[in-house]
Amino acid sequence: MDKYYTPAEVALHFGVTRETIYSMISRGQLDASRFGRSRRISESQINDCLNRRYERAIDATSPNAA
């Protein structure tokens, strides 16, 4: 069973603001579950977000590689 974190806990862990985490949630970059009025982010949702960020290969040999 996954452990759930608040957006503030996730922000503290990654060194960003809580607003950045909420922004990532609203843009669809980070999934979150709703429990009543609050949001919680599971470990698997964090891992999925990180894996999606690094799926695209980068060709460092071409100029303006992205």
N, C-alpha and C. Protein backbone atom coordinates (compact mmCIF):
# COMPACT_ATOMS: atom_id res chain seq x y z
N MET A 1 0.84 -1.18 0.00
CA MET A 1 0.00 0.00 0.00
C MET A 1 0.88 1.24 0.00
N ASP A 2 0.52 2.19 -0.83
CA ASP A 2 1.28 3.43 -0.96
C ASP A 2 1.10 4.33 0.25
N LYS A 3 2.11 5.10 0.52
CA LYS A 3 2.02 6.15 1.52
C LYS A 3 1.60 7.42 0.80
N TYR A 4 0.75 8.21 1.43
CA TYR A 4 0.26 9.44 0.83
C TYR A 4 0.90 10.65 1.50
N TYR A 5 1.20 11.67 0.68
CA TYR A 5 1.84 12.88 1.16
C TYR A 5 0.98 14.08 0.81
N THR A 6 1.10 15.13 1.60
CA THR A 6 0.43 16.39 1.27
C THR A 6 1.27 17.12 0.22
N PRO A 7 0.67 18.03 -0.52
CA PRO A 7 1.47 18.84 -1.45
C PRO A 7 2.61 19.58 -0.76
N ALA A 8 2.41 20.02 0.46
CA ALA A 8 3.47 20.71 1.19
C ALA A 8 4.64 19.77 1.49
N GLU A 9 4.36 18.51 1.84
CA GLU A 9 5.42 17.54 2.10
C GLU A 9 6.21 17.23 0.83
N VAL A 10 5.51 17.10 -0.29
CA VAL A 10 6.17 16.83 -1.56
C VAL A 10 7.04 18.02 -1.95
N ALA A 11 6.52 19.22 -1.76
CA ALA A 11 7.28 20.44 -2.08
C ALA A 11 8.54 20.53 -1.24
N LEU A 12 8.44 20.23 0.04
CA LEU A 12 9.61 20.27 0.92
C LEU A 12 10.66 19.26 0.49
N HIS A 13 10.21 18.07 0.12
CA HIS A 13 11.13 17.01 -0.31
C HIS A 13 11.89 17.39 -1.58
N PHE A 14 11.21 18.03 -2.53
CA PHE A 14 11.83 18.37 -3.80
C PHE A 14 12.42 19.79 -3.84
N GLY A 15 12.26 20.53 -2.77
CA GLY A 15 12.86 21.86 -2.71
C GLY A 15 12.17 22.90 -3.57
N VAL A 16 10.85 22.75 -3.72
CA VAL A 16 10.07 23.74 -4.47
C VAL A 16 8.97 24.25 -3.55
N THR A 17 8.20 25.21 -4.04
CA THR A 17 7.11 25.73 -3.22
C THR A 17 5.87 24.87 -3.35
N ARG A 18 5.00 25.00 -2.39
CA ARG A 18 3.72 24.28 -2.43
C ARG A 18 2.92 24.70 -3.65
N GLU A 19 3.03 25.97 -4.01
CA GLU A 19 2.31 26.47 -5.19
C GLU A 19 2.81 25.80 -6.47
N THR A 20 4.09 25.49 -6.54
CA THR A 20 4.64 24.78 -7.69
C THR A 20 4.01 23.39 -7.81
N ILE A 21 3.83 22.71 -6.70
CA ILE A 21 3.22 21.38 -6.71
C ILE A 21 1.77 21.49 -7.17
N TYR A 22 1.02 22.46 -6.65
CA TYR A 22 -0.36 22.65 -7.09
C TYR A 22 -0.42 23.00 -8.57
N SER A 23 0.53 23.77 -9.04
CA SER A 23 0.58 24.12 -10.46
C SER A 23 0.84 22.88 -11.32
N MET A 24 1.75 22.02 -10.86
CA MET A 24 2.02 20.77 -11.58
C MET A 24 0.79 19.89 -11.62
N ILE A 25 0.02 19.87 -10.54
CA ILE A 25 -1.22 19.09 -10.49
C ILE A 25 -2.22 19.65 -11.49
N SER A 26 -2.40 20.97 -11.52
CA SER A 26 -3.39 21.57 -12.42
C SER A 26 -3.00 21.43 -13.89
N ARG A 27 -1.68 21.38 -14.19
CA ARG A 27 -1.23 21.20 -15.57
C ARG A 27 -1.23 19.74 -16.00
N GLY A 28 -1.49 18.84 -15.06
CA GLY A 28 -1.52 17.41 -15.39
C GLY A 28 -0.15 16.75 -15.36
N GLN A 29 0.86 17.44 -14.84
CA GLN A 29 2.20 16.87 -14.75
C GLN A 29 2.35 15.94 -13.55
N LEU A 30 1.52 16.13 -12.56
CA LEU A 30 1.56 15.33 -11.34
C LEU A 30 0.14 14.96 -10.97
N ASP A 31 -0.10 13.67 -10.82
CA ASP A 31 -1.43 13.21 -10.42
C ASP A 31 -1.58 13.34 -8.91
N ALA A 32 -2.80 13.59 -8.47
CA ALA A 32 -3.09 13.67 -7.05
C ALA A 32 -4.49 13.12 -6.80
N SER A 33 -4.68 12.58 -5.63
CA SER A 33 -5.99 12.06 -5.24
C SER A 33 -6.64 13.05 -4.29
N ARG A 34 -7.96 13.11 -4.37
CA ARG A 34 -8.71 13.99 -3.48
C ARG A 34 -9.27 13.17 -2.33
N PHE A 35 -9.08 13.67 -1.14
CA PHE A 35 -9.67 13.11 0.07
C PHE A 35 -10.46 14.24 0.72
N GLY A 36 -11.76 14.26 0.45
CA GLY A 36 -12.56 15.39 0.91
C GLY A 36 -12.15 16.63 0.14
N ARG A 37 -11.77 17.67 0.87
CA ARG A 37 -11.35 18.92 0.22
C ARG A 37 -9.85 18.98 0.00
N SER A 38 -9.12 18.02 0.54
CA SER A 38 -7.66 18.08 0.43
C SER A 38 -7.14 17.13 -0.64
N ARG A 39 -5.94 17.39 -1.08
CA ARG A 39 -5.27 16.55 -2.07
C ARG A 39 -4.14 15.80 -1.40
N ARG A 40 -3.94 14.57 -1.85
CA ARG A 40 -2.83 13.76 -1.38
C ARG A 40 -2.15 13.13 -2.59
N ILE A 41 -0.85 12.97 -2.48
CA ILE A 41 -0.05 12.44 -3.59
C ILE A 41 0.63 11.18 -3.08
N SER A 42 0.42 10.08 -3.79
CA SER A 42 1.00 8.81 -3.36
C SER A 42 2.42 8.67 -3.89
N GLU A 43 3.16 7.74 -3.30
CA GLU A 43 4.52 7.47 -3.77
C GLU A 43 4.52 7.05 -5.22
N SER A 44 3.54 6.22 -5.61
CA SER A 44 3.50 5.77 -7.01
C SER A 44 3.19 6.93 -7.95
N GLN A 45 2.39 7.89 -7.54
CA GLN A 45 2.10 9.05 -8.37
C GLN A 45 3.36 9.92 -8.54
N ILE A 46 4.15 10.03 -7.50
CA ILE A 46 5.41 10.78 -7.58
C ILE A 46 6.37 10.07 -8.53
N ASN A 47 6.49 8.75 -8.37
CA ASN A 47 7.38 7.97 -9.24
C ASN A 47 6.94 8.04 -10.70
N ASP A 48 5.63 7.97 -10.96
CA ASP A 48 5.12 8.09 -12.32
C ASP A 48 5.49 9.44 -12.93
N CYS A 49 5.36 10.50 -12.14
CA CYS A 49 5.71 11.84 -12.61
C CYS A 49 7.18 11.91 -12.98
N LEU A 50 8.03 11.39 -12.11
CA LEU A 50 9.48 11.43 -12.37
C LEU A 50 9.83 10.57 -13.58
N ASN A 51 9.22 9.41 -13.73
CA ASN A 51 9.49 8.54 -14.88
C ASN A 51 9.07 9.19 -16.19
N ARG A 52 7.92 9.89 -16.19
CA ARG A 52 7.46 10.57 -17.40
C ARG A 52 8.43 11.68 -17.81
N ARG A 53 9.02 12.33 -16.83
CA ARG A 53 9.95 13.43 -17.14
C ARG A 53 11.20 12.94 -17.83
N TYR A 54 11.59 11.69 -17.60
CA TYR A 54 12.85 11.18 -18.13
C TYR A 54 12.67 10.11 -19.20
N GLU A 55 11.44 9.94 -19.70
CA GLU A 55 11.19 8.95 -20.76
C GLU A 55 11.76 9.38 -22.09
N ARG A 56 11.66 10.65 -22.42
CA ARG A 56 12.07 11.15 -23.72
C ARG A 56 13.58 11.21 -23.80
N ALA A 57 14.13 10.56 -24.78
CA ALA A 57 15.59 10.55 -24.95
C ALA A 57 16.05 11.90 -25.47
N ILE A 58 17.21 12.30 -25.04
CA ILE A 58 17.79 13.57 -25.48
C ILE A 58 19.01 13.26 -26.35
N ASP A 59 19.03 13.85 -27.54
CA ASP A 59 20.16 13.69 -28.44
C ASP A 59 21.11 14.86 -28.23
N ALA A 60 22.14 14.63 -27.45
CA ALA A 60 23.07 15.70 -27.09
C ALA A 60 24.03 16.03 -28.22
N THR A 61 24.01 15.27 -29.32
CA THR A 61 24.94 15.53 -30.42
C THR A 61 24.40 16.58 -31.39
N SER A 62 23.11 16.85 -31.35
CA SER A 62 22.55 17.85 -32.27
C SER A 62 22.36 19.17 -31.54
N PRO A 63 22.52 20.27 -32.27
CA PRO A 63 22.32 21.58 -31.65
C PRO A 63 20.86 21.75 -31.26
N ASN A 64 20.64 22.51 -30.20
CA ASN A 64 19.29 22.78 -29.69
C ASN A 64 18.54 21.52 -29.35
N ALA A 65 19.25 20.53 -28.85
CA ALA A 65 18.61 19.27 -28.45
C ALA A 65 17.67 19.53 -27.29
N ALA A 66 16.50 18.92 -27.37
CA ALA A 66 15.54 19.11 -26.28
C ALA A 66 14.91 17.81 -25.89
